[in-house]
Amino acid sequence: MIKLNKMIGYGAVRACYEHPQNQRLCIKVFLKQGNAKKSFTDEINLYKKLKDTLSPYLCRYEEQLVETDKGIGMVTELLRDSDLTISKPLAHCTKTPEIKAQIDDFCQRLIDNDIFFYDFNLQNFVIQKLAGKTQLKFIDMKSYRRYKPWTYLGLEKFVPYFARRAMKQRIKKLNQLLQE
């Protein structure tokens, strides 16, 4: 069992800890365990399915879940900059033309491949700075196909046309956030 001590961030449902034996890895745990094993397994399988299409925008995922003192955990790459500090969320970075171009490319890959994520807050994007280069990373794949219905019947879950429309609305909102 891995004892987690150094929390590096948290969201509405999960917390992220630095792996105690490897500072280049992160362990994500649910704040309330519930269906953690199934959720993490689904996310790992999604990563394996999407990693080629969305490369270089995803951090690396380990295939095996781990047992921690906080419950079942999922191990991912911990994004660090060249100086070994933890890379910052997009919300805390200057939005340069280079970052904007990467966001546009990431979003276009989603639309072109009918990949529908629904949580584009700026905390779910991290800017990694390595060897003088800046790289956008999307770190929250749990929102894949998890949506609040846009149409009365939730057709966007079953009809790609409606899902694309919903995605384009979310991308538009993301671009508005980037302007602020």
C-alpha atoms as a PDB file:
ATOM      1  CA  MET A   1       0.000   0.000   0.000  1.00  0.00           C
ATOM      2  CA  ILE A   2       1.290   3.426  -0.950  1.00  0.00           C
ATOM      3  CA  LYS A   3       1.027   6.169   1.647  1.00  0.00           C
ATOM      4  CA  LEU A   4       0.154   9.515   0.041  1.00  0.00           C
ATOM      5  CA  ASN A   5       1.456  12.650   1.724  1.00  0.00           C
ATOM      6  CA  LYS A   6       2.047  15.444  -0.771  1.00  0.00           C
ATOM      7  CA  MET A   7      -1.192  16.676  -2.341  1.00  0.00           C
ATOM      8  CA  ILE A   8      -0.460  18.739  -5.435  1.00  0.00           C
ATOM      9  CA  GLY A   9      -3.989  19.601  -6.490  1.00  0.00           C
ATOM     10  CA  TYR A  10      -7.626  18.651  -6.379  1.00  0.00           C
ATOM     11  CA  GLY A  11     -10.855  19.122  -8.236  1.00  0.00           C
ATOM     12  CA  ALA A  12     -14.503  18.562  -7.476  1.00  0.00           C
ATOM     13  CA  VAL A  13     -14.214  14.765  -7.240  1.00  0.00           C
ATOM     14  CA  ARG A  14     -10.500  13.816  -7.214  1.00  0.00           C
ATOM     15  CA  ALA A  15      -7.266  14.729  -5.522  1.00  0.00           C
ATOM     16  CA  CYS A  16      -3.779  14.415  -7.014  1.00  0.00           C
ATOM     17  CA  TYR A  17      -0.722  13.450  -5.017  1.00  0.00           C
ATOM     18  CA  GLU A  18       2.941  13.267  -5.908  1.00  0.00           C
ATOM     19  CA  HIS A  19       3.982   9.616  -5.994  1.00  0.00           C
ATOM     20  CA  PRO A  20       6.128   9.120  -2.872  1.00  0.00           C
ATOM     21  CA  GLN A  21       8.654   6.905  -4.700  1.00  0.00           C
ATOM     22  CA  ASN A  22       8.855   8.775  -8.010  1.00  0.00           C
ATOM     23  CA  GLN A  23       8.589  12.558  -8.279  1.00  0.00           C
ATOM     24  CA  ARG A  24       7.758  12.253 -11.995  1.00  0.00           C
ATOM     25  CA  LEU A  25       4.500  10.434 -11.279  1.00  0.00           C
ATOM     26  CA  CYS A  26       1.142  11.527  -9.900  1.00  0.00           C
ATOM     27  CA  ILE A  27      -1.455   9.377  -8.150  1.00  0.00           C
ATOM     28  CA  LYS A  28      -5.067  10.451  -8.560  1.00  0.00           C
ATOM     29  CA  VAL A  29      -7.639   9.297  -6.013  1.00  0.00           C
ATOM     30  CA  PHE A  30     -11.333   9.983  -5.691  1.00  0.00           C
ATOM     31  CA  LEU A  31     -12.383  12.110  -2.747  1.00  0.00           C
ATOM     32  CA  LYS A  32     -15.296   9.678  -2.279  1.00  0.00           C
ATOM     33  CA  GLN A  33     -14.306   6.195  -3.485  1.00  0.00           C
ATOM     34  CA  GLY A  34     -17.638   4.896  -4.819  1.00  0.00           C
ATOM     35  CA  ASN A  35     -16.912   3.469  -8.284  1.00  0.00           C
ATOM     36  CA  ALA A  36     -13.248   4.532  -8.354  1.00  0.00           C
ATOM     37  CA  LYS A  37     -11.928   1.274  -9.805  1.00  0.00           C
ATOM     38  CA  LYS A  38     -14.368   1.281 -12.742  1.00  0.00           C
ATOM     39  CA  SER A  39     -13.906   5.011 -13.389  1.00  0.00           C
ATOM     40  CA  PHE A  40     -10.115   4.754 -13.381  1.00  0.00           C
ATOM     41  CA  THR A  41     -10.133   1.601 -15.532  1.00  0.00           C
ATOM     42  CA  ASP A  42     -12.424   3.335 -18.045  1.00  0.00           C
ATOM     43  CA  GLU A  43     -10.108   6.361 -18.111  1.00  0.00           C
ATOM     44  CA  ILE A  44      -6.991   4.214 -18.649  1.00  0.00           C
ATOM     45  CA  ASN A  45      -8.730   2.380 -21.507  1.00  0.00           C
ATOM     46  CA  LEU A  46      -9.753   5.703 -23.016  1.00  0.00           C
ATOM     47  CA  TYR A  47      -6.151   6.920 -22.771  1.00  0.00           C
ATOM     48  CA  LYS A  48      -4.957   3.826 -24.643  1.00  0.00           C
ATOM     49  CA  LYS A  49      -7.594   4.443 -27.319  1.00  0.00           C
ATOM     50  CA  LEU A  50      -6.839   8.163 -27.762  1.00  0.00           C
ATOM     51  CA  LYS A  51      -3.114   8.532 -27.053  1.00  0.00           C
ATOM     52  CA  ASP A  52      -2.035   8.362 -30.703  1.00  0.00           C
ATOM     53  CA  THR A  53      -4.730  10.760 -31.944  1.00  0.00           C
ATOM     54  CA  LEU A  54      -4.203  13.329 -29.178  1.00  0.00           C
ATOM     55  CA  SER A  55      -0.455  13.082 -28.872  1.00  0.00           C
ATOM     56  CA  PRO A  56       1.294  15.328 -27.732  1.00  0.00           C
ATOM     57  CA  TYR A  57      -1.587  16.751 -25.669  1.00  0.00           C
ATOM     58  CA  LEU A  58      -1.974  13.936 -23.119  1.00  0.00           C
ATOM     59  CA  CYS A  59       0.210  12.987 -20.201  1.00  0.00           C
ATOM     60  CA  ARG A  60       1.211   9.333 -19.937  1.00  0.00           C
ATOM     61  CA  TYR A  61      -0.984   6.913 -17.933  1.00  0.00           C
ATOM     62  CA  GLU A  62       0.180   3.741 -16.192  1.00  0.00           C
ATOM     63  CA  GLU A  63      -1.978   0.683 -16.924  1.00  0.00           C
ATOM     64  CA  GLN A  64      -2.178  -0.677 -13.380  1.00  0.00           C
ATOM     65  CA  LEU A  65      -4.167   0.840 -10.534  1.00  0.00           C
ATOM     66  CA  VAL A  66      -2.502   1.078  -7.135  1.00  0.00           C
ATOM     67  CA  GLU A  67      -3.735   0.672  -3.585  1.00  0.00           C
ATOM     68  CA  THR A  68      -3.133   3.740  -1.428  1.00  0.00           C
ATOM     69  CA  ASP A  69      -4.046   4.821   2.067  1.00  0.00           C
ATOM     70  CA  LYS A  70      -6.667   7.058   0.390  1.00  0.00           C
ATOM     71  CA  GLY A  71      -8.220   4.240  -1.669  1.00  0.00           C
ATOM     72  CA  ILE A  72      -7.664   2.985  -5.217  1.00  0.00           C
ATOM     73  CA  GLY A  73      -5.382   5.264  -7.217  1.00  0.00           C
ATOM     74  CA  MET A  74      -4.524   5.837 -10.856  1.00  0.00           C
ATOM     75  CA  VAL A  75      -0.923   6.654 -11.763  1.00  0.00           C
ATOM     76  CA  THR A  76      -0.131   9.247 -14.420  1.00  0.00           C
ATOM     77  CA  GLU A  77       2.851  11.278 -15.498  1.00  0.00           C
ATOM     78  CA  LEU A  78       3.368  14.310 -13.247  1.00  0.00           C
ATOM     79  CA  LEU A  79       4.006  17.202 -15.571  1.00  0.00           C
ATOM     80  CA  ARG A  80       7.099  19.141 -14.579  1.00  0.00           C
ATOM     81  CA  ASP A  81       8.973  21.962 -16.246  1.00  0.00           C
ATOM     82  CA  SER A  82      12.705  21.936 -17.042  1.00  0.00           C
ATOM     83  CA  ASP A  83      13.465  23.321 -13.569  1.00  0.00           C
ATOM     84  CA  LEU A  84      11.511  20.357 -12.056  1.00  0.00           C
ATOM     85  CA  THR A  85       8.712  22.564 -10.705  1.00  0.00           C
ATOM     86  CA  ILE A  86       5.226  21.221 -11.302  1.00  0.00           C
ATOM     87  CA  SER A  87       3.819  22.641 -14.530  1.00  0.00           C
ATOM     88  CA  LYS A  88       1.118  25.256 -14.047  1.00  0.00           C
ATOM     89  CA  PRO A  89      -2.523  25.122 -15.145  1.00  0.00           C
ATOM     90  CA  LEU A  90      -3.447  27.243 -18.137  1.00  0.00           C
ATOM     91  CA  ALA A  91      -5.522  29.417 -15.789  1.00  0.00           C
ATOM     92  CA  HIS A  92      -2.248  30.685 -14.266  1.00  0.00           C
ATOM     93  CA  CYS A  93      -0.287  31.170 -17.487  1.00  0.00           C
ATOM     94  CA  THR A  94       0.013  33.890 -20.083  1.00  0.00           C
ATOM     95  CA  LYS A  95      -2.014  32.892 -23.135  1.00  0.00           C
ATOM     96  CA  THR A  96       0.564  33.242 -25.925  1.00  0.00           C
ATOM     97  CA  PRO A  97      -0.093  32.752 -29.662  1.00  0.00           C
ATOM     98  CA  GLU A  98       1.823  29.449 -29.372  1.00  0.00           C
ATOM     99  CA  ILE A  99      -0.558  28.193 -26.675  1.00  0.00           C
ATOM    100  CA  LYS A 100      -3.592  29.428 -28.617  1.00  0.00           C
ATOM    101  CA  ALA A 101      -2.377  27.548 -31.714  1.00  0.00           C
ATOM    102  CA  GLN A 102      -1.995  24.361 -29.653  1.00  0.00           C
ATOM    103  CA  ILE A 103      -5.483  24.753 -28.190  1.00  0.00           C
ATOM    104  CA  ASP A 104      -6.866  25.228 -31.698  1.00  0.00           C
ATOM    105  CA  ASP A 105      -5.042  22.089 -32.916  1.00  0.00           C
ATOM    106  CA  PHE A 106      -6.200  20.054 -29.897  1.00  0.00           C
ATOM    107  CA  CYS A 107      -9.815  21.138 -30.421  1.00  0.00           C
ATOM    108  CA  GLN A 108      -9.652  20.460 -34.164  1.00  0.00           C
ATOM    109  CA  ARG A 109      -8.370  16.932 -33.478  1.00  0.00           C
ATOM    110  CA  LEU A 110     -11.345  16.380 -31.167  1.00  0.00           C
ATOM    111  CA  ILE A 111     -13.860  17.563 -33.764  1.00  0.00           C
ATOM    112  CA  ASP A 112     -12.200  15.737 -36.684  1.00  0.00           C
ATOM    113  CA  ASN A 113     -12.180  12.435 -34.773  1.00  0.00           C
ATOM    114  CA  ASP A 114     -15.559  12.723 -32.998  1.00  0.00           C
ATOM    115  CA  ILE A 115     -13.899  12.789 -29.581  1.00  0.00           C
ATOM    116  CA  PHE A 116     -16.210  14.581 -27.194  1.00  0.00           C
ATOM    117  CA  PHE A 117     -14.969  15.992 -23.898  1.00  0.00           C
ATOM    118  CA  TYR A 118     -17.233  18.248 -21.922  1.00  0.00           C
ATOM    119  CA  ASP A 119     -15.132  19.899 -19.216  1.00  0.00           C
ATOM    120  CA  PHE A 120     -12.901  22.575 -20.660  1.00  0.00           C
ATOM    121  CA  ASN A 121     -12.185  24.722 -17.648  1.00  0.00           C
ATOM    122  CA  LEU A 122      -8.708  26.225 -17.659  1.00  0.00           C
ATOM    123  CA  GLN A 123      -7.611  24.068 -14.701  1.00  0.00           C
ATOM    124  CA  ASN A 124      -7.900  20.969 -16.920  1.00  0.00           C
ATOM    125  CA  PHE A 125      -5.130  22.222 -19.194  1.00  0.00           C
ATOM    126  CA  VAL A 126      -1.507  22.426 -18.062  1.00  0.00           C
ATOM    127  CA  ILE A 127       1.351  24.253 -19.747  1.00  0.00           C
ATOM    128  CA  GLN A 128       4.602  22.307 -19.598  1.00  0.00           C
ATOM    129  CA  LYS A 129       7.845  24.158 -20.325  1.00  0.00           C
ATOM    130  CA  LEU A 130      10.701  21.878 -21.367  1.00  0.00           C
ATOM    131  CA  ALA A 131      13.938  22.794 -23.127  1.00  0.00           C
ATOM    132  CA  GLY A 132      12.621  26.231 -24.099  1.00  0.00           C
ATOM    133  CA  LYS A 133       9.421  24.825 -25.623  1.00  0.00           C
ATOM    134  CA  THR A 134       5.894  25.229 -24.323  1.00  0.00           C
ATOM    135  CA  GLN A 135       3.478  22.287 -24.571  1.00  0.00           C
ATOM    136  CA  LEU A 136      -0.247  22.232 -23.808  1.00  0.00           C
ATOM    137  CA  LYS A 137      -1.474  19.129 -21.952  1.00  0.00           C
ATOM    138  CA  PHE A 138      -5.064  18.098 -21.215  1.00  0.00           C
ATOM    139  CA  ILE A 139      -5.151  16.356 -17.838  1.00  0.00           C
ATOM    140  CA  ASP A 140      -8.787  15.480 -17.175  1.00  0.00           C
ATOM    141  CA  MET A 141     -10.117  12.749 -19.424  1.00  0.00           C
ATOM    142  CA  LYS A 142     -12.926  11.758 -17.069  1.00  0.00           C
ATOM    143  CA  SER A 143     -15.294  14.153 -18.852  1.00  0.00           C
ATOM    144  CA  TYR A 144     -15.228  12.061 -22.042  1.00  0.00           C
ATOM    145  CA  ARG A 145     -18.822  11.668 -23.206  1.00  0.00           C
ATOM    146  CA  ARG A 146     -20.047  12.844 -19.767  1.00  0.00           C
ATOM    147  CA  TYR A 147     -22.355  15.678 -20.519  1.00  0.00           C
ATOM    148  CA  LYS A 148     -25.352  17.571 -19.313  1.00  0.00           C
ATOM    149  CA  PRO A 149     -27.908  17.167 -22.092  1.00  0.00           C
ATOM    150  CA  TRP A 150     -27.897  20.027 -24.551  1.00  0.00           C
ATOM    151  CA  THR A 151     -30.955  18.775 -26.397  1.00  0.00           C
ATOM    152  CA  TYR A 152     -34.159  17.641 -24.741  1.00  0.00           C
ATOM    153  CA  LEU A 153     -33.489  13.956 -25.372  1.00  0.00           C
ATOM    154  CA  GLY A 154     -29.719  14.084 -24.963  1.00  0.00           C
ATOM    155  CA  LEU A 155     -29.242  13.300 -28.649  1.00  0.00           C
ATOM    156  CA  GLU A 156     -25.636  14.486 -28.580  1.00  0.00           C
ATOM    157  CA  LYS A 157     -24.727  11.235 -26.830  1.00  0.00           C
ATOM    158  CA  PHE A 158     -25.954   9.206 -29.811  1.00  0.00           C
ATOM    159  CA  VAL A 159     -25.779  11.489 -32.845  1.00  0.00           C
ATOM    160  CA  PRO A 160     -22.318  12.859 -33.721  1.00  0.00           C
ATOM    161  CA  TYR A 161     -23.821  15.936 -35.401  1.00  0.00           C
ATOM    162  CA  PHE A 162     -25.369  17.085 -32.119  1.00  0.00           C
ATOM    163  CA  ALA A 163     -22.246  16.134 -30.154  1.00  0.00           C
ATOM    164  CA  ARG A 164     -20.118  18.234 -32.540  1.00  0.00           C
ATOM    165  CA  ARG A 165     -22.474  21.179 -32.030  1.00  0.00           C
ATOM    166  CA  ALA A 166     -22.193  20.806 -28.249  1.00  0.00           C
ATOM    167  CA  MET A 167     -18.402  20.528 -28.520  1.00  0.00           C
ATOM    168  CA  LYS A 168     -18.203  23.627 -30.708  1.00  0.00           C
ATOM    169  CA  GLN A 169     -20.181  25.538 -28.069  1.00  0.00           C
ATOM    170  CA  ARG A 170     -17.779  24.374 -25.360  1.00  0.00           C
ATOM    171  CA  ILE A 171     -14.787  25.283 -27.542  1.00  0.00           C
ATOM    172  CA  LYS A 172     -16.314  28.719 -28.097  1.00  0.00           C
ATOM    173  CA  LYS A 173     -16.649  29.153 -24.313  1.00  0.00           C
ATOM    174  CA  LEU A 174     -13.048  27.995 -23.874  1.00  0.00           C
ATOM    175  CA  ASN A 175     -11.896  30.610 -26.382  1.00  0.00           C
ATOM    176  CA  GLN A 176     -13.880  33.256 -24.501  1.00  0.00           C
ATOM    177  CA  LEU A 177     -12.131  32.233 -21.278  1.00  0.00           C
ATOM    178  CA  LEU A 178      -8.796  32.623 -23.038  1.00  0.00           C
ATOM    179  CA  GLN A 179      -9.688  36.203 -23.971  1.00  0.00           C
ATOM    180  CA  GLU A 180     -10.268  37.220 -20.338  1.00  0.00           C
END
